[in-house]
Amino acid sequence: MIEENREKYKRELEARQKELVAILSGLTAIAAHSTNVSAKAYGQASQNPDPTKACAKLTKAGTHIHGRMAVDAAKAIVTLQEQLYQIGVVFDYIQELEKEEDGES
């Protein structure tokens, strides 16, 4: 019974790990794109001799939204990486339990 539950739990963890890796890939792309768009816009604005007009253009273009999106994506990436690490720790723990059970048998 315990082995069945353990195998079921391992399958669920593996499925969750695959989902998180896919989400992580998407978030990485979003963060990279948002950072790129924001950096280009700020780079162009820095070339403008009138700071007020440059700031107005940046605000109108929504550059601050892209910058915020990049920061939020980075936070989510760190959270997902922590989740993936925790899943790895659980896998290691299950393997150790299986080794101990095999040694006792």
PDB file of N, CA and C in Angstrom:
ATOM      1  N   MET A   1       0.828  -1.200   0.000  1.00  0.00           N
ATOM      2  CA  MET A   1       0.000   0.000   0.000  1.00  0.00           C
ATOM      3  C   MET A   1       0.874   1.265   0.000  1.00  0.00           C
ATOM      4  N   ILE A   2       1.880   1.257   0.865  1.00  0.00           N
ATOM      5  CA  ILE A   2       2.748   2.425   0.951  1.00  0.00           C
ATOM      6  C   ILE A   2       3.504   2.614  -0.357  1.00  0.00           C
ATOM      7  N   GLU A   3       3.957   1.507  -0.941  1.00  0.00           N
ATOM      8  CA  GLU A   3       4.691   1.595  -2.205  1.00  0.00           C
ATOM      9  C   GLU A   3       3.809   2.157  -3.317  1.00  0.00           C
ATOM     10  N   GLU A   4       2.527   1.743  -3.342  1.00  0.00           N
ATOM     11  CA  GLU A   4       1.586   2.233  -4.347  1.00  0.00           C
ATOM     12  C   GLU A   4       1.391   3.744  -4.190  1.00  0.00           C
ATOM     13  N   ASN A   5       1.199   4.163  -2.955  1.00  0.00           N
ATOM     14  CA  ASN A   5       1.019   5.596  -2.694  1.00  0.00           C
ATOM     15  C   ASN A   5       2.276   6.373  -3.045  1.00  0.00           C
ATOM     16  N   ARG A   6       3.428   5.800  -2.737  1.00  0.00           N
ATOM     17  CA  ARG A   6       4.694   6.465  -3.041  1.00  0.00           C
ATOM     18  C   ARG A   6       4.871   6.605  -4.551  1.00  0.00           C
ATOM     19  N   GLU A   7       4.563   5.554  -5.292  1.00  0.00           N
ATOM     20  CA  GLU A   7       4.680   5.614  -6.755  1.00  0.00           C
ATOM     21  C   GLU A   7       3.710   6.635  -7.346  1.00  0.00           C
ATOM     22  N   LYS A   8       2.500   6.656  -6.818  1.00  0.00           N
ATOM     23  CA  LYS A   8       1.511   7.635  -7.285  1.00  0.00           C
ATOM     24  C   LYS A   8       2.007   9.051  -6.998  1.00  0.00           C
ATOM     25  N   TYR A   9       2.546   9.258  -5.818  1.00  0.00           N
ATOM     26  CA  TYR A   9       3.060  10.571  -5.436  1.00  0.00           C
ATOM     27  C   TYR A   9       4.236  10.975  -6.323  1.00  0.00           C
ATOM     28  N   LYS A  10       5.119  10.012  -6.625  1.00  0.00           N
ATOM     29  CA  LYS A  10       6.250  10.304  -7.504  1.00  0.00           C
ATOM     30  C   LYS A  10       5.771  10.701  -8.901  1.00  0.00           C
ATOM     31  N   ARG A  11       4.771   9.992  -9.423  1.00  0.00           N
ATOM     32  CA  ARG A  11       4.225  10.346 -10.744  1.00  0.00           C
ATOM     33  C   ARG A  11       3.625  11.742 -10.738  1.00  0.00           C
ATOM     34  N   GLU A  12       2.910  12.071  -9.675  1.00  0.00           N
ATOM     35  CA  GLU A  12       2.317  13.414  -9.558  1.00  0.00           C
ATOM     36  C   GLU A  12       3.407  14.483  -9.473  1.00  0.00           C
ATOM     37  N   LEU A  13       4.460  14.196  -8.722  1.00  0.00           N
ATOM     38  CA  LEU A  13       5.574  15.141  -8.620  1.00  0.00           C
ATOM     39  C   LEU A  13       6.265  15.327  -9.969  1.00  0.00           C
ATOM     40  N   GLU A  14       6.455  14.235 -10.694  1.00  0.00           N
ATOM     41  CA  GLU A  14       7.087  14.333 -12.015  1.00  0.00           C
ATOM     42  C   GLU A  14       6.237  15.158 -12.975  1.00  0.00           C
ATOM     43  N   ALA A  15       4.924  14.947 -12.935  1.00  0.00           N
ATOM     44  CA  ALA A  15       4.031  15.728 -13.791  1.00  0.00           C
ATOM     45  C   ALA A  15       4.088  17.207 -13.415  1.00  0.00           C
ATOM     46  N   ARG A  16       4.083  17.471 -12.123  1.00  0.00           N
ATOM     47  CA  ARG A  16       4.159  18.867 -11.649  1.00  0.00           C
ATOM     48  C   ARG A  16       5.489  19.496 -12.043  1.00  0.00           C
ATOM     49  N   GLN A  17       6.553  18.729 -11.960  1.00  0.00           N
ATOM     50  CA  GLN A  17       7.869  19.234 -12.330  1.00  0.00           C
ATOM     51  C   GLN A  17       7.907  19.607 -13.813  1.00  0.00           C
ATOM     52  N   LYS A  18       7.326  18.784 -14.665  1.00  0.00           N
ATOM     53  CA  LYS A  18       7.270  19.084 -16.094  1.00  0.00           C
ATOM     54  C   LYS A  18       6.468  20.353 -16.364  1.00  0.00           C
ATOM     55  N   GLU A  19       5.350  20.515 -15.662  1.00  0.00           N
ATOM     56  CA  GLU A  19       4.535  21.720 -15.809  1.00  0.00           C
ATOM     57  C   GLU A  19       5.328  22.962 -15.409  1.00  0.00           C
ATOM     58  N   LEU A  20       6.016  22.867 -14.279  1.00  0.00           N
ATOM     59  CA  LEU A  20       6.783  24.017 -13.795  1.00  0.00           C
ATOM     60  C   LEU A  20       7.920  24.375 -14.743  1.00  0.00           C
ATOM     61  N   VAL A  21       8.557  23.385 -15.330  1.00  0.00           N
ATOM     62  CA  VAL A  21       9.636  23.652 -16.274  1.00  0.00           C
ATOM     63  C   VAL A  21       9.081  24.370 -17.510  1.00  0.00           C
ATOM     64  N   ALA A  22       7.907  23.951 -17.981  1.00  0.00           N
ATOM     65  CA  ALA A  22       7.289  24.611 -19.136  1.00  0.00           C
ATOM     66  C   ALA A  22       6.920  26.055 -18.802  1.00  0.00           C
ATOM     67  N   ILE A  23       6.355  26.257 -17.625  1.00  0.00           N
ATOM     68  CA  ILE A  23       5.996  27.616 -17.197  1.00  0.00           C
ATOM     69  C   ILE A  23       7.244  28.468 -17.049  1.00  0.00           C
ATOM     70  N   LEU A  24       8.289  27.885 -16.495  1.00  0.00           N
ATOM     71  CA  LEU A  24       9.552  28.600 -16.311  1.00  0.00           C
ATOM     72  C   LEU A  24      10.110  29.059 -17.652  1.00  0.00           C
ATOM     73  N   SER A  25      10.020  28.215 -18.645  1.00  0.00           N
ATOM     74  CA  SER A  25      10.499  28.574 -19.977  1.00  0.00           C
ATOM     75  C   SER A  25       9.727  29.762 -20.533  1.00  0.00           C
ATOM     76  N   GLY A  26       8.411  29.738 -20.383  1.00  0.00           N
ATOM     77  CA  GLY A  26       7.587  30.845 -20.856  1.00  0.00           C
ATOM     78  C   GLY A  26       7.870  32.140 -20.119  1.00  0.00           C
ATOM     79  N   LEU A  27       8.013  32.045 -18.811  1.00  0.00           N
ATOM     80  CA  LEU A  27       8.309  33.242 -18.014  1.00  0.00           C
ATOM     81  C   LEU A  27       9.671  33.835 -18.360  1.00  0.00           C
ATOM     82  N   THR A  28      10.617  32.974 -18.653  1.00  0.00           N
ATOM     83  CA  THR A  28      11.942  33.453 -19.039  1.00  0.00           C
ATOM     84  C   THR A  28      11.865  34.244 -20.336  1.00  0.00           C
ATOM     85  N   ALA A  29      11.082  33.751 -21.279  1.00  0.00           N
ATOM     86  CA  ALA A  29      10.905  34.465 -22.546  1.00  0.00           C
ATOM     87  C   ALA A  29      10.209  35.810 -22.327  1.00  0.00           C
ATOM     88  N   ILE A  30       9.198  35.820 -21.481  1.00  0.00           N
ATOM     89  CA  ILE A  30       8.480  37.066 -21.183  1.00  0.00           C
ATOM     90  C   ILE A  30       9.410  38.077 -20.520  1.00  0.00           C
ATOM     91  N   ALA A  31      10.180  37.628 -19.551  1.00  0.00           N
ATOM     92  CA  ALA A  31      11.098  38.526 -18.849  1.00  0.00           C
ATOM     93  C   ALA A  31      12.143  39.091 -19.803  1.00  0.00           C
ATOM     94  N   ALA A  32      12.674  38.240 -20.668  1.00  0.00           N
ATOM     95  CA  ALA A  32      13.686  38.707 -21.620  1.00  0.00           C
ATOM     96  C   ALA A  32      13.099  39.729 -22.588  1.00  0.00           C
ATOM     97  N   HIS A  33      11.913  39.452 -23.088  1.00  0.00           N
ATOM     98  CA  HIS A  33      11.277  40.386 -24.035  1.00  0.00           C
ATOM     99  C   HIS A  33      10.969  41.722 -23.361  1.00  0.00           C
ATOM    100  N   SER A  34      10.390  41.661 -22.179  1.00  0.00           N
ATOM    101  CA  SER A  34      10.031  42.897 -21.473  1.00  0.00           C
ATOM    102  C   SER A  34      11.261  43.722 -21.127  1.00  0.00           C
ATOM    103  N   THR A  35      12.318  43.059 -20.717  1.00  0.00           N
ATOM    104  CA  THR A  35      13.561  43.766 -20.399  1.00  0.00           C
ATOM    105  C   THR A  35      14.137  44.413 -21.648  1.00  0.00           C
ATOM    106  N   ASN A  36      14.105  43.697 -22.751  1.00  0.00           N
ATOM    107  CA  ASN A  36      14.629  44.204 -24.013  1.00  0.00           C
ATOM    108  C   ASN A  36      13.846  45.436 -24.476  1.00  0.00           C
ATOM    109  N   VAL A  37      12.517  45.349 -24.449  1.00  0.00           N
ATOM    110  CA  VAL A  37      11.673  46.474 -24.877  1.00  0.00           C
ATOM    111  C   VAL A  37      11.913  47.685 -23.981  1.00  0.00           C
ATOM    112  N   SER A  38      11.941  47.451 -22.694  1.00  0.00           N
ATOM    113  CA  SER A  38      12.144  48.539 -21.743  1.00  0.00           C
ATOM    114  C   SER A  38      13.520  49.186 -21.921  1.00  0.00           C
ATOM    115  N   ALA A  39      14.544  48.377 -22.074  1.00  0.00           N
ATOM    116  CA  ALA A  39      15.901  48.907 -22.229  1.00  0.00           C
ATOM    117  C   ALA A  39      16.040  49.717 -23.514  1.00  0.00           C
ATOM    118  N   LYS A  40      15.441  49.239 -24.591  1.00  0.00           N
ATOM    119  CA  LYS A  40      15.507  49.987 -25.849  1.00  0.00           C
ATOM    120  C   LYS A  40      14.802  51.338 -25.727  1.00  0.00           C
ATOM    121  N   ALA A  41      13.640  51.315 -25.087  1.00  0.00           N
ATOM    122  CA  ALA A  41      12.885  52.564 -24.941  1.00  0.00           C
ATOM    123  C   ALA A  41      13.649  53.566 -24.074  1.00  0.00           C
ATOM    124  N   TYR A  42      14.212  53.109 -22.967  1.00  0.00           N
ATOM    125  CA  TYR A  42      14.982  54.011 -22.115  1.00  0.00           C
ATOM    126  C   TYR A  42      16.246  54.492 -22.818  1.00  0.00           C
ATOM    127  N   GLY A  43      16.838  53.616 -23.627  1.00  0.00           N
ATOM    128  CA  GLY A  43      18.013  54.021 -24.402  1.00  0.00           C
ATOM    129  C   GLY A  43      17.692  55.118 -25.394  1.00  0.00           C
ATOM    130  N   GLN A  44      16.568  54.989 -26.080  1.00  0.00           N
ATOM    131  CA  GLN A  44      16.156  56.019 -27.032  1.00  0.00           C
ATOM    132  C   GLN A  44      15.788  57.318 -26.313  1.00  0.00           C
ATOM    133  N   ALA A  45      15.144  57.178 -25.166  1.00  0.00           N
ATOM    134  CA  ALA A  45      14.743  58.369 -24.414  1.00  0.00           C
ATOM    135  C   ALA A  45      15.962  59.130 -23.892  1.00  0.00           C
ATOM    136  N   SER A  46      17.013  58.418 -23.569  1.00  0.00           N
ATOM    137  CA  SER A  46      18.203  59.088 -23.048  1.00  0.00           C
ATOM    138  C   SER A  46      18.883  59.949 -24.115  1.00  0.00           C
ATOM    139  N   GLN A  47      18.578  59.684 -25.372  1.00  0.00           N
ATOM    140  CA  GLN A  47      19.154  60.465 -26.462  1.00  0.00           C
ATOM    141  C   GLN A  47      18.405  61.780 -26.686  1.00  0.00           C
ATOM    142  N   ASN A  48      17.217  61.884 -26.126  1.00  0.00           N
ATOM    143  CA  ASN A  48      16.397  63.082 -26.294  1.00  0.00           C
ATOM    144  C   ASN A  48      16.957  64.215 -25.436  1.00  0.00           C
ATOM    145  N   PRO A  49      17.193  65.393 -26.025  1.00  0.00           N
ATOM    146  CA  PRO A  49      17.769  66.498 -25.241  1.00  0.00           C
ATOM    147  C   PRO A  49      16.793  67.094 -24.217  1.00  0.00           C
ATOM    148  N   ASP A  50      15.490  66.910 -24.437  1.00  0.00           N
ATOM    149  CA  ASP A  50      14.498  67.454 -23.510  1.00  0.00           C
ATOM    150  C   ASP A  50      13.994  66.329 -22.587  1.00  0.00           C
ATOM    151  N   PRO A  51      14.391  66.362 -21.318  1.00  0.00           N
ATOM    152  CA  PRO A  51      14.008  65.282 -20.403  1.00  0.00           C
ATOM    153  C   PRO A  51      12.497  65.166 -20.208  1.00  0.00           C
ATOM    154  N   THR A  52      11.795  66.285 -20.242  1.00  0.00           N
ATOM    155  CA  THR A  52      10.344  66.251 -20.045  1.00  0.00           C
ATOM    156  C   THR A  52       9.666  65.512 -21.195  1.00  0.00           C
ATOM    157  N   LYS A  53      10.082  65.828 -22.411  1.00  0.00           N
ATOM    158  CA  LYS A  53       9.504  65.148 -23.573  1.00  0.00           C
ATOM    159  C   LYS A  53       9.872  63.665 -23.558  1.00  0.00           C
ATOM    160  N   ALA A  54      11.092  63.364 -23.172  1.00  0.00           N
ATOM    161  CA  ALA A  54      11.533  61.969 -23.117  1.00  0.00           C
ATOM    162  C   ALA A  54      10.684  61.181 -22.113  1.00  0.00           C
ATOM    163  N   CYS A  55      10.452  61.784 -20.953  1.00  0.00           N
ATOM    164  CA  CYS A  55       9.655  61.130 -19.916  1.00  0.00           C
ATOM    165  C   CYS A  55       8.213  60.934 -20.394  1.00  0.00           C
ATOM    166  N   ALA A  56       7.676  61.956 -21.051  1.00  0.00           N
ATOM    167  CA  ALA A  56       6.309  61.854 -21.569  1.00  0.00           C
ATOM    168  C   ALA A  56       6.199  60.738 -22.606  1.00  0.00           C
ATOM    169  N   LYS A  57       7.196  60.616 -23.474  1.00  0.00           N
ATOM    170  CA  LYS A  57       7.186  59.554 -24.485  1.00  0.00           C
ATOM    171  C   LYS A  57       7.248  58.176 -23.826  1.00  0.00           C
ATOM    172  N   LEU A  58       8.099  58.068 -22.822  1.00  0.00           N
ATOM    173  CA  LEU A  58       8.226  56.785 -22.123  1.00  0.00           C
ATOM    174  C   LEU A  58       6.910  56.386 -21.451  1.00  0.00           C
ATOM    175  N   THR A  59       6.280  57.353 -20.813  1.00  0.00           N
ATOM    176  CA  THR A  59       5.020  57.080 -20.127  1.00  0.00           C
ATOM    177  C   THR A  59       3.933  56.729 -21.124  1.00  0.00           C
ATOM    178  N   LYS A  60       3.860  57.482 -22.201  1.00  0.00           N
ATOM    179  CA  LYS A  60       2.845  57.238 -23.219  1.00  0.00           C
ATOM    180  C   LYS A  60       3.038  55.869 -23.872  1.00  0.00           C
ATOM    181  N   ALA A  61       4.270  55.478 -24.068  1.00  0.00           N
ATOM    182  CA  ALA A  61       4.567  54.190 -24.689  1.00  0.00           C
ATOM    183  C   ALA A  61       4.352  53.011 -23.732  1.00  0.00           C
ATOM    184  N   GLY A  62       4.217  53.283 -22.459  1.00  0.00           N
ATOM    185  CA  GLY A  62       3.998  52.221 -21.480  1.00  0.00           C
ATOM    186  C   GLY A  62       5.258  51.482 -21.098  1.00  0.00           C
ATOM    187  N   THR A  63       6.376  52.165 -21.217  1.00  0.00           N
ATOM    188  CA  THR A  63       7.654  51.528 -20.903  1.00  0.00           C
ATOM    189  C   THR A  63       7.710  51.071 -19.447  1.00  0.00           C
ATOM    190  N   HIS A  64       7.110  51.839 -18.560  1.00  0.00           N
ATOM    191  CA  HIS A  64       7.108  51.465 -17.147  1.00  0.00           C
ATOM    192  C   HIS A  64       6.356  50.146 -16.928  1.00  0.00           C
ATOM    193  N   ILE A  65       5.370  49.874 -17.772  1.00  0.00           N
ATOM    194  CA  ILE A  65       4.621  48.619 -17.657  1.00  0.00           C
ATOM    195  C   ILE A  65       5.515  47.440 -18.040  1.00  0.00           C
ATOM    196  N   HIS A  66       6.300  47.609 -19.103  1.00  0.00           N
ATOM    197  CA  HIS A  66       7.219  46.544 -19.501  1.00  0.00           C
ATOM    198  C   HIS A  66       8.286  46.317 -18.436  1.00  0.00           C
ATOM    199  N   GLY A  67       8.773  47.386 -17.855  1.00  0.00           N
ATOM    200  CA  GLY A  67       9.760  47.239 -16.786  1.00  0.00           C
ATOM    201  C   GLY A  67       9.186  46.500 -15.595  1.00  0.00           C
ATOM    202  N   ARG A  68       7.960  46.845 -15.244  1.00  0.00           N
ATOM    203  CA  ARG A  68       7.292  46.173 -14.119  1.00  0.00           C
ATOM    204  C   ARG A  68       7.046  44.697 -14.444  1.00  0.00           C
ATOM    205  N   MET A  69       6.658  44.429 -15.693  1.00  0.00           N
ATOM    206  CA  MET A  69       6.412  43.056 -16.105  1.00  0.00           C
ATOM    207  C   MET A  69       7.690  42.220 -16.013  1.00  0.00           C
ATOM    208  N   ALA A  70       8.810  42.820 -16.381  1.00  0.00           N
ATOM    209  CA  ALA A  70      10.095  42.106 -16.293  1.00  0.00           C
ATOM    210  C   ALA A  70      10.430  41.775 -14.842  1.00  0.00           C
ATOM    211  N   VAL A  71      10.195  42.716 -13.946  1.00  0.00           N
ATOM    212  CA  VAL A  71      10.471  42.489 -12.521  1.00  0.00           C
ATOM    213  C   VAL A  71       9.547  41.407 -11.965  1.00  0.00           C
ATOM    214  N   ASP A  72       8.255  41.479 -12.307  1.00  0.00           N
ATOM    215  CA  ASP A  72       7.311  40.466 -11.836  1.00  0.00           C
ATOM    216  C   ASP A  72       7.659  39.083 -12.376  1.00  0.00           C
ATOM    217  N   ALA A  73       8.072  39.020 -13.639  1.00  0.00           N
ATOM    218  CA  ALA A  73       8.468  37.739 -14.224  1.00  0.00           C
ATOM    219  C   ALA A  73       9.710  37.194 -13.522  1.00  0.00           C
ATOM    220  N   ALA A  74      10.638  38.064 -13.201  1.00  0.00           N
ATOM    221  CA  ALA A  74      11.848  37.619 -12.488  1.00  0.00           C
ATOM    222  C   ALA A  74      11.494  37.065 -11.114  1.00  0.00           C
ATOM    223  N   LYS A  75      10.563  37.701 -10.428  1.00  0.00           N
ATOM    224  CA  LYS A  75      10.117  37.196  -9.122  1.00  0.00           C
ATOM    225  C   LYS A  75       9.478  35.812  -9.271  1.00  0.00           C
ATOM    226  N   ALA A  76       8.649  35.663 -10.291  1.00  0.00           N
ATOM    227  CA  ALA A  76       7.990  34.375 -10.521  1.00  0.00           C
ATOM    228  C   ALA A  76       9.010  33.300 -10.887  1.00  0.00           C
ATOM    229  N   ILE A  77      10.039  33.671 -11.641  1.00  0.00           N
ATOM    230  CA  ILE A  77      11.088  32.718 -12.014  1.00  0.00           C
ATOM    231  C   ILE A  77      11.797  32.205 -10.764  1.00  0.00           C
ATOM    232  N   VAL A  78      12.120  33.097  -9.861  1.00  0.00           N
ATOM    233  CA  VAL A  78      12.791  32.690  -8.619  1.00  0.00           C
ATOM    234  C   VAL A  78      11.884  31.767  -7.803  1.00  0.00           C
ATOM    235  N   THR A  79      10.610  32.077  -7.743  1.00  0.00           N
ATOM    236  CA  THR A  79       9.659  31.244  -7.011  1.00  0.00           C
ATOM    237  C   THR A  79       9.562  29.855  -7.634  1.00  0.00           C
ATOM    238  N   LEU A  80       9.484  29.800  -8.963  1.00  0.00           N
ATOM    239  CA  LEU A  80       9.412  28.506  -9.644  1.00  0.00           C
ATOM    240  C   LEU A  80      10.685  27.700  -9.451  1.00  0.00           C
ATOM    241  N   GLN A  81      11.818  28.360  -9.491  1.00  0.00           N
ATOM    242  CA  GLN A  81      13.073  27.648  -9.269  1.00  0.00           C
ATOM    243  C   GLN A  81      13.129  27.061  -7.864  1.00  0.00           C
ATOM    244  N   GLU A  82      12.595  27.776  -6.903  1.00  0.00           N
ATOM    245  CA  GLU A  82      12.537  27.262  -5.536  1.00  0.00           C
ATOM    246  C   GLU A  82      11.622  26.041  -5.465  1.00  0.00           C
ATOM    247  N   GLN A  83      10.483  26.096  -6.153  1.00  0.00           N
ATOM    248  CA  GLN A  83       9.575  24.956  -6.185  1.00  0.00           C
ATOM    249  C   GLN A  83      10.242  23.738  -6.820  1.00  0.00           C
ATOM    250  N   LEU A  84      10.951  23.969  -7.922  1.00  0.00           N
ATOM    251  CA  LEU A  84      11.656  22.869  -8.588  1.00  0.00           C
ATOM    252  C   LEU A  84      12.728  22.273  -7.675  1.00  0.00           C
ATOM    253  N   TYR A  85      13.406  23.112  -6.938  1.00  0.00           N
ATOM    254  CA  TYR A  85      14.416  22.632  -5.987  1.00  0.00           C
ATOM    255  C   TYR A  85      13.759  21.765  -4.911  1.00  0.00           C
ATOM    256  N   GLN A  86      12.625  22.225  -4.395  1.00  0.00           N
ATOM    257  CA  GLN A  86      11.930  21.466  -3.355  1.00  0.00           C
ATOM    258  C   GLN A  86      11.443  20.120  -3.872  1.00  0.00           C
ATOM    259  N   ILE A  87      10.985  20.085  -5.115  1.00  0.00           N
ATOM    260  CA  ILE A  87      10.576  18.812  -5.707  1.00  0.00           C
ATOM    261  C   ILE A  87      11.783  17.876  -5.791  1.00  0.00           C
ATOM    262  N   GLY A  88      12.937  18.419  -6.170  1.00  0.00           N
ATOM    263  CA  GLY A  88      14.159  17.613  -6.218  1.00  0.00           C
ATOM    264  C   GLY A  88      14.527  17.058  -4.855  1.00  0.00           C
ATOM    265  N   VAL A  89      14.351  17.850  -3.813  1.00  0.00           N
ATOM    266  CA  VAL A  89      14.642  17.383  -2.448  1.00  0.00           C
ATOM    267  C   VAL A  89      13.702  16.242  -2.072  1.00  0.00           C
ATOM    268  N   VAL A  90      12.437  16.372  -2.438  1.00  0.00           N
ATOM    269  CA  VAL A  90      11.474  15.307  -2.132  1.00  0.00           C
ATOM    270  C   VAL A  90      11.836  14.026  -2.891  1.00  0.00           C
ATOM    271  N   PHE A  91      12.220  14.164  -4.171  1.00  0.00           N
ATOM    272  CA  PHE A  91      12.658  13.000  -4.948  1.00  0.00           C
ATOM    273  C   PHE A  91      13.845  12.311  -4.271  1.00  0.00           C
ATOM    274  N   ASP A  92      14.808  13.099  -3.848  1.00  0.00           N
ATOM    275  CA  ASP A  92      15.979  12.534  -3.174  1.00  0.00           C
ATOM    276  C   ASP A  92      15.579  11.801  -1.898  1.00  0.00           C
ATOM    277  N   TYR A  93      14.659  12.386  -1.156  1.00  0.00           N
ATOM    278  CA  TYR A  93      14.198  11.771   0.088  1.00  0.00           C
ATOM    279  C   TYR A  93      13.509  10.432  -0.194  1.00  0.00           C
ATOM    280  N   ILE A  94      12.662  10.417  -1.225  1.00  0.00           N
ATOM    281  CA  ILE A  94      11.972   9.173  -1.584  1.00  0.00           C
ATOM    282  C   ILE A  94      12.977   8.110  -2.008  1.00  0.00           C
ATOM    283  N   GLN A  95      13.980   8.498  -2.764  1.00  0.00           N
ATOM    284  CA  GLN A  95      15.002   7.536  -3.189  1.00  0.00           C
ATOM    285  C   GLN A  95      15.767   6.977  -1.981  1.00  0.00           C
ATOM    286  N   GLU A  96      16.067   7.841  -1.033  1.00  0.00           N
ATOM    287  CA  GLU A  96      16.752   7.367   0.176  1.00  0.00           C
ATOM    288  C   GLU A  96      15.880   6.383   0.950  1.00  0.00           C
ATOM    289  N   LEU A  97      14.583   6.666   1.035  1.00  0.00           N
ATOM    290  CA  LEU A  97      13.682   5.751   1.715  1.00  0.00           C
ATOM    291  C   LEU A  97      13.644   4.397   1.002  1.00  0.00           C
ATOM    292  N   GLU A  98      13.620   4.433  -0.331  1.00  0.00           N
ATOM    293  CA  GLU A  98      13.588   3.191  -1.099  1.00  0.00           C
ATOM    294  C   GLU A  98      14.884   2.400  -0.906  1.00  0.00           C
ATOM    295  N   LYS A  99      16.041   3.102  -0.848  1.00  0.00           N
ATOM    296  CA  LYS A  99      17.302   2.423  -0.626  1.00  0.00           C
ATOM    297  C   LYS A  99      17.337   1.762   0.747  1.00  0.00           C
ATOM    298  N   GLU A 100      16.823   2.480   1.753  1.00  0.00           N
ATOM    299  CA  GLU A 100      16.782   1.925   3.111  1.00  0.00           C
ATOM    300  C   GLU A 100      15.878   0.692   3.175  1.00  0.00           C
ATOM    301  N   GLU A 101      14.735   0.768   2.473  1.00  0.00           N
ATOM    302  CA  GLU A 101      13.811  -0.372   2.475  1.00  0.00           C
ATOM    303  C   GLU A 101      14.429  -1.568   1.753  1.00  0.00           C
ATOM    304  N   ASP A 102      15.140  -1.294   0.660  1.00  0.00           N
ATOM    305  CA  ASP A 102      15.800  -2.373  -0.080  1.00  0.00           C
ATOM    306  C   ASP A 102      16.909  -3.012   0.772  1.00  0.00           C
ATOM    307  N   GLY A 103      17.584  -2.195   1.551  1.00  0.00           N
ATOM    308  CA  GLY A 103      18.656  -2.704   2.421  1.00  0.00           C
ATOM    309  C   GLY A 103      18.112  -3.551   3.553  1.00  0.00           C
ATOM    310  N   GLU A 104      16.922  -3.243   4.043  1.00  0.00           N
ATOM    311  CA  GLU A 104      16.313  -3.995   5.141  1.00  0.00           C
ATOM    312  C   GLU A 104      15.745  -5.313   4.656  1.00  0.00           C
ATOM    313  N   SER A 105      15.334  -5.374   3.401  1.00  0.00           N
ATOM    314  CA  SER A 105      14.673  -6.593   2.892  1.00  0.00           C
ATOM    315  C   SER A 105      15.602  -7.751   2.759  1.00  0.00           C
TER     316      SER A 105
END
